[in-house]
């Protein structure tokens, strides 16, 4: 009979954690995951959702503003210039994958997950885009930056 070896918790990557948060389907699932990531691994997390067209989300800054507000309101990052700069770059990196090869009139429904271990920040965007309800596409984007 083999001796049982205790299983250590393996800390999930920031990227995977942000993607999992962005892909949660209910508020309950989202809250449970945020609580688990914080209590088990001391990862600070935030989630936001928004929708609109490319022109409405990207060109007006609505996406970036929503991510920044979520990061500040949830304590993911403090209002410090270097950390804000990193957050904006991670958001832009993630949004590049979301908005590529699409019409500016396409509608989007997006969920955004943020995670940090205080050294790095990950921004994951998951959602759907469509010019017509019968032509819906799933989209995902990820950005990571050093704080």
C-alpha atoms as a PDB file:
ATOM      1  CA  UNK A   1       0.000   0.000   0.000  1.00  0.00           C
ATOM      2  CA  UNK A   2       1.373   3.402  -0.975  1.00  0.00           C
ATOM      3  CA  UNK A   3       1.654   6.169   1.552  1.00  0.00           C
ATOM      4  CA  UNK A   4      -0.599   9.054   0.645  1.00  0.00           C
ATOM      5  CA  UNK A   5       1.193  12.205  -0.334  1.00  0.00           C
ATOM      6  CA  UNK A   6      -0.567  15.411   0.681  1.00  0.00           C
ATOM      7  CA  UNK A   7      -1.672  17.408  -2.325  1.00  0.00           C
ATOM      8  CA  UNK A   8      -0.357  20.958  -2.252  1.00  0.00           C
ATOM      9  CA  UNK A   9      -2.450  23.673  -3.728  1.00  0.00           C
ATOM     10  CA  UNK A  10      -0.827  24.852  -6.910  1.00  0.00           C
ATOM     11  CA  UNK A  11      -1.213  28.588  -7.317  1.00  0.00           C
ATOM     12  CA  UNK A  12      -3.089  29.285 -10.554  1.00  0.00           C
ATOM     13  CA  UNK A  13      -1.540  31.728 -12.993  1.00  0.00           C
ATOM     14  CA  UNK A  14      -2.867  35.280 -13.057  1.00  0.00           C
ATOM     15  CA  UNK A  15      -3.804  34.775 -16.703  1.00  0.00           C
ATOM     16  CA  UNK A  16      -5.839  31.631 -16.053  1.00  0.00           C
ATOM     17  CA  UNK A  17      -7.507  33.240 -13.021  1.00  0.00           C
ATOM     18  CA  UNK A  18      -8.516  36.340 -15.009  1.00  0.00           C
ATOM     19  CA  UNK A  19      -9.882  34.168 -17.836  1.00  0.00           C
ATOM     20  CA  UNK A  20     -11.857  32.009 -15.409  1.00  0.00           C
ATOM     21  CA  UNK A  21     -13.367  35.128 -13.826  1.00  0.00           C
ATOM     22  CA  UNK A  22     -14.309  36.545 -17.233  1.00  0.00           C
ATOM     23  CA  UNK A  23     -15.969  33.269 -18.149  1.00  0.00           C
ATOM     24  CA  UNK A  24     -18.102  32.824 -15.041  1.00  0.00           C
ATOM     25  CA  UNK A  25     -21.772  32.532 -15.903  1.00  0.00           C
ATOM     26  CA  UNK A  26     -23.463  33.639 -12.697  1.00  0.00           C
ATOM     27  CA  UNK A  27     -22.803  36.199  -9.963  1.00  0.00           C
ATOM     28  CA  UNK A  28     -22.683  33.367  -7.426  1.00  0.00           C
ATOM     29  CA  UNK A  29     -20.004  31.520  -9.406  1.00  0.00           C
ATOM     30  CA  UNK A  30     -18.071  34.786  -9.831  1.00  0.00           C
ATOM     31  CA  UNK A  31     -18.204  35.647  -6.109  1.00  0.00           C
ATOM     32  CA  UNK A  32     -17.178  32.133  -5.086  1.00  0.00           C
ATOM     33  CA  UNK A  33     -14.171  32.217  -7.421  1.00  0.00           C
ATOM     34  CA  UNK A  34     -13.086  35.712  -6.306  1.00  0.00           C
ATOM     35  CA  UNK A  35     -13.307  34.667  -2.651  1.00  0.00           C
ATOM     36  CA  UNK A  36     -11.365  31.459  -3.290  1.00  0.00           C
ATOM     37  CA  UNK A  37      -8.599  33.221  -5.248  1.00  0.00           C
ATOM     38  CA  UNK A  38      -8.178  35.811  -2.510  1.00  0.00           C
ATOM     39  CA  UNK A  39      -8.366  33.462   0.490  1.00  0.00           C
ATOM     40  CA  UNK A  40      -6.225  30.686  -1.007  1.00  0.00           C
ATOM     41  CA  UNK A  41      -3.674  32.638  -3.039  1.00  0.00           C
ATOM     42  CA  UNK A  42      -3.979  36.295  -1.992  1.00  0.00           C
ATOM     43  CA  UNK A  43      -4.933  37.333  -5.532  1.00  0.00           C
ATOM     44  CA  UNK A  44      -6.941  40.532  -5.746  1.00  0.00           C
ATOM     45  CA  UNK A  45      -9.725  40.303  -8.290  1.00  0.00           C
ATOM     46  CA  UNK A  46     -12.366  42.389  -9.989  1.00  0.00           C
ATOM     47  CA  UNK A  47     -15.037  41.768 -12.601  1.00  0.00           C
ATOM     48  CA  UNK A  48     -17.094  44.071 -14.786  1.00  0.00           C
ATOM     49  CA  UNK A  49     -19.506  43.669 -17.662  1.00  0.00           C
ATOM     50  CA  UNK A  50     -20.398  46.036 -20.451  1.00  0.00           C
ATOM     51  CA  UNK A  51     -21.825  46.136 -23.914  1.00  0.00           C
ATOM     52  CA  UNK A  52     -22.010  48.335 -26.974  1.00  0.00           C
ATOM     53  CA  UNK A  53     -20.540  48.750 -30.428  1.00  0.00           C
ATOM     54  CA  UNK A  54     -16.844  48.966 -31.282  1.00  0.00           C
ATOM     55  CA  UNK A  55     -17.199  52.713 -31.747  1.00  0.00           C
ATOM     56  CA  UNK A  56     -18.985  53.054 -28.414  1.00  0.00           C
ATOM     57  CA  UNK A  57     -16.625  50.835 -26.421  1.00  0.00           C
ATOM     58  CA  UNK A  58     -13.220  51.470 -27.917  1.00  0.00           C
ATOM     59  CA  UNK A  59     -13.172  54.960 -29.360  1.00  0.00           C
ATOM     60  CA  UNK A  60     -14.951  56.662 -26.462  1.00  0.00           C
ATOM     61  CA  UNK A  61     -12.799  54.987 -23.822  1.00  0.00           C
ATOM     62  CA  UNK A  62     -15.838  53.289 -22.234  1.00  0.00           C
ATOM     63  CA  UNK A  63     -14.026  49.939 -22.024  1.00  0.00           C
ATOM     64  CA  UNK A  64     -10.851  51.371 -20.485  1.00  0.00           C
ATOM     65  CA  UNK A  65     -12.819  53.592 -18.087  1.00  0.00           C
ATOM     66  CA  UNK A  66     -14.929  50.640 -16.921  1.00  0.00           C
ATOM     67  CA  UNK A  67     -11.819  48.529 -16.290  1.00  0.00           C
ATOM     68  CA  UNK A  68     -10.093  51.348 -14.376  1.00  0.00           C
ATOM     69  CA  UNK A  69     -13.172  52.020 -12.239  1.00  0.00           C
ATOM     70  CA  UNK A  70     -13.463  48.318 -11.430  1.00  0.00           C
ATOM     71  CA  UNK A  71      -9.764  48.087 -10.536  1.00  0.00           C
ATOM     72  CA  UNK A  72     -10.007  51.082  -8.183  1.00  0.00           C
ATOM     73  CA  UNK A  73     -13.373  50.153  -6.626  1.00  0.00           C
ATOM     74  CA  UNK A  74     -12.361  46.547  -5.891  1.00  0.00           C
ATOM     75  CA  UNK A  75      -8.868  47.350  -4.642  1.00  0.00           C
ATOM     76  CA  UNK A  76      -7.144  45.502  -7.488  1.00  0.00           C
ATOM     77  CA  UNK A  77      -4.785  48.468  -7.857  1.00  0.00           C
ATOM     78  CA  UNK A  78      -4.393  51.787  -6.057  1.00  0.00           C
ATOM     79  CA  UNK A  79      -4.565  55.097  -7.917  1.00  0.00           C
ATOM     80  CA  UNK A  80      -0.852  55.272  -8.684  1.00  0.00           C
ATOM     81  CA  UNK A  81       0.429  56.412 -12.074  1.00  0.00           C
ATOM     82  CA  UNK A  82       2.664  53.383 -12.816  1.00  0.00           C
ATOM     83  CA  UNK A  83      -0.054  50.901 -11.870  1.00  0.00           C
ATOM     84  CA  UNK A  84      -2.691  52.757 -13.880  1.00  0.00           C
ATOM     85  CA  UNK A  85      -0.298  52.802 -16.835  1.00  0.00           C
ATOM     86  CA  UNK A  86       0.198  49.012 -16.600  1.00  0.00           C
ATOM     87  CA  UNK A  87      -3.565  48.434 -16.269  1.00  0.00           C
ATOM     88  CA  UNK A  88      -4.291  50.518 -19.366  1.00  0.00           C
ATOM     89  CA  UNK A  89      -1.678  48.651 -21.409  1.00  0.00           C
ATOM     90  CA  UNK A  90      -2.976  45.246 -20.279  1.00  0.00           C
ATOM     91  CA  UNK A  91      -6.509  46.364 -21.184  1.00  0.00           C
ATOM     92  CA  UNK A  92      -5.415  47.556 -24.629  1.00  0.00           C
ATOM     93  CA  UNK A  93      -3.562  44.289 -25.211  1.00  0.00           C
ATOM     94  CA  UNK A  94      -6.652  42.275 -24.287  1.00  0.00           C
ATOM     95  CA  UNK A  95      -8.983  44.451 -26.364  1.00  0.00           C
ATOM     96  CA  UNK A  96      -6.832  44.020 -29.482  1.00  0.00           C
ATOM     97  CA  UNK A  97      -7.999  40.410 -29.704  1.00  0.00           C
ATOM     98  CA  UNK A  98     -11.608  41.383 -29.090  1.00  0.00           C
ATOM     99  CA  UNK A  99     -11.918  44.125 -31.695  1.00  0.00           C
ATOM    100  CA  UNK A 100      -9.820  42.614 -34.491  1.00  0.00           C
ATOM    101  CA  UNK A 101     -11.585  41.650 -37.744  1.00  0.00           C
ATOM    102  CA  UNK A 102     -14.929  43.144 -36.893  1.00  0.00           C
ATOM    103  CA  UNK A 103     -17.244  45.792 -38.238  1.00  0.00           C
ATOM    104  CA  UNK A 104     -17.474  49.062 -36.291  1.00  0.00           C
ATOM    105  CA  UNK A 105     -21.267  48.543 -36.084  1.00  0.00           C
ATOM    106  CA  UNK A 106     -20.940  45.118 -34.439  1.00  0.00           C
ATOM    107  CA  UNK A 107     -22.544  44.820 -31.017  1.00  0.00           C
ATOM    108  CA  UNK A 108     -20.597  43.363 -28.104  1.00  0.00           C
ATOM    109  CA  UNK A 109     -21.540  41.850 -24.750  1.00  0.00           C
ATOM    110  CA  UNK A 110     -18.334  41.507 -22.692  1.00  0.00           C
ATOM    111  CA  UNK A 111     -17.267  40.312 -19.272  1.00  0.00           C
ATOM    112  CA  UNK A 112     -13.863  41.388 -17.984  1.00  0.00           C
ATOM    113  CA  UNK A 113     -11.827  39.689 -15.263  1.00  0.00           C
ATOM    114  CA  UNK A 114      -8.921  41.401 -13.479  1.00  0.00           C
ATOM    115  CA  UNK A 115      -6.355  39.702 -11.259  1.00  0.00           C
ATOM    116  CA  UNK A 116      -3.168  40.840  -9.565  1.00  0.00           C
ATOM    117  CA  UNK A 117      -0.558  39.460  -7.214  1.00  0.00           C
ATOM    118  CA  UNK A 118       0.753  43.051  -6.667  1.00  0.00           C
ATOM    119  CA  UNK A 119       3.666  42.486  -9.085  1.00  0.00           C
ATOM    120  CA  UNK A 120       1.746  41.648 -12.265  1.00  0.00           C
ATOM    121  CA  UNK A 121      -1.761  42.381 -13.514  1.00  0.00           C
ATOM    122  CA  UNK A 122      -3.862  40.334 -15.938  1.00  0.00           C
ATOM    123  CA  UNK A 123      -6.920  41.569 -17.826  1.00  0.00           C
ATOM    124  CA  UNK A 124      -9.107  38.983 -19.569  1.00  0.00           C
ATOM    125  CA  UNK A 125     -12.079  39.827 -21.765  1.00  0.00           C
ATOM    126  CA  UNK A 126     -14.635  37.230 -22.805  1.00  0.00           C
ATOM    127  CA  UNK A 127     -17.824  37.853 -24.702  1.00  0.00           C
ATOM    128  CA  UNK A 128     -19.830  37.765 -27.860  1.00  0.00           C
ATOM    129  CA  UNK A 129     -20.001  39.994 -30.902  1.00  0.00           C
ATOM    130  CA  UNK A 130     -22.583  40.203 -33.637  1.00  0.00           C
ATOM    131  CA  UNK A 131     -23.770  42.261 -36.574  1.00  0.00           C
ATOM    132  CA  UNK A 132     -26.970  40.206 -36.538  1.00  0.00           C
ATOM    133  CA  UNK A 133     -28.341  37.804 -33.893  1.00  0.00           C
ATOM    134  CA  UNK A 134     -27.780  34.842 -36.254  1.00  0.00           C
ATOM    135  CA  UNK A 135     -24.116  35.766 -36.809  1.00  0.00           C
ATOM    136  CA  UNK A 136     -22.852  35.781 -33.220  1.00  0.00           C
ATOM    137  CA  UNK A 137     -19.167  35.047 -32.510  1.00  0.00           C
ATOM    138  CA  UNK A 138     -17.414  34.269 -29.236  1.00  0.00           C
ATOM    139  CA  UNK A 139     -14.370  36.444 -28.532  1.00  0.00           C
ATOM    140  CA  UNK A 140     -11.594  36.317 -25.962  1.00  0.00           C
ATOM    141  CA  UNK A 141      -8.642  38.582 -25.216  1.00  0.00           C
ATOM    142  CA  UNK A 142      -5.883  38.612 -22.640  1.00  0.00           C
ATOM    143  CA  UNK A 143      -3.363  41.218 -21.540  1.00  0.00           C
ATOM    144  CA  UNK A 144      -0.657  40.976 -18.873  1.00  0.00           C
ATOM    145  CA  UNK A 145       1.652  43.709 -17.629  1.00  0.00           C
ATOM    146  CA  UNK A 146       4.213  44.177 -14.884  1.00  0.00           C
ATOM    147  CA  UNK A 147       3.135  46.658 -12.227  1.00  0.00           C
END
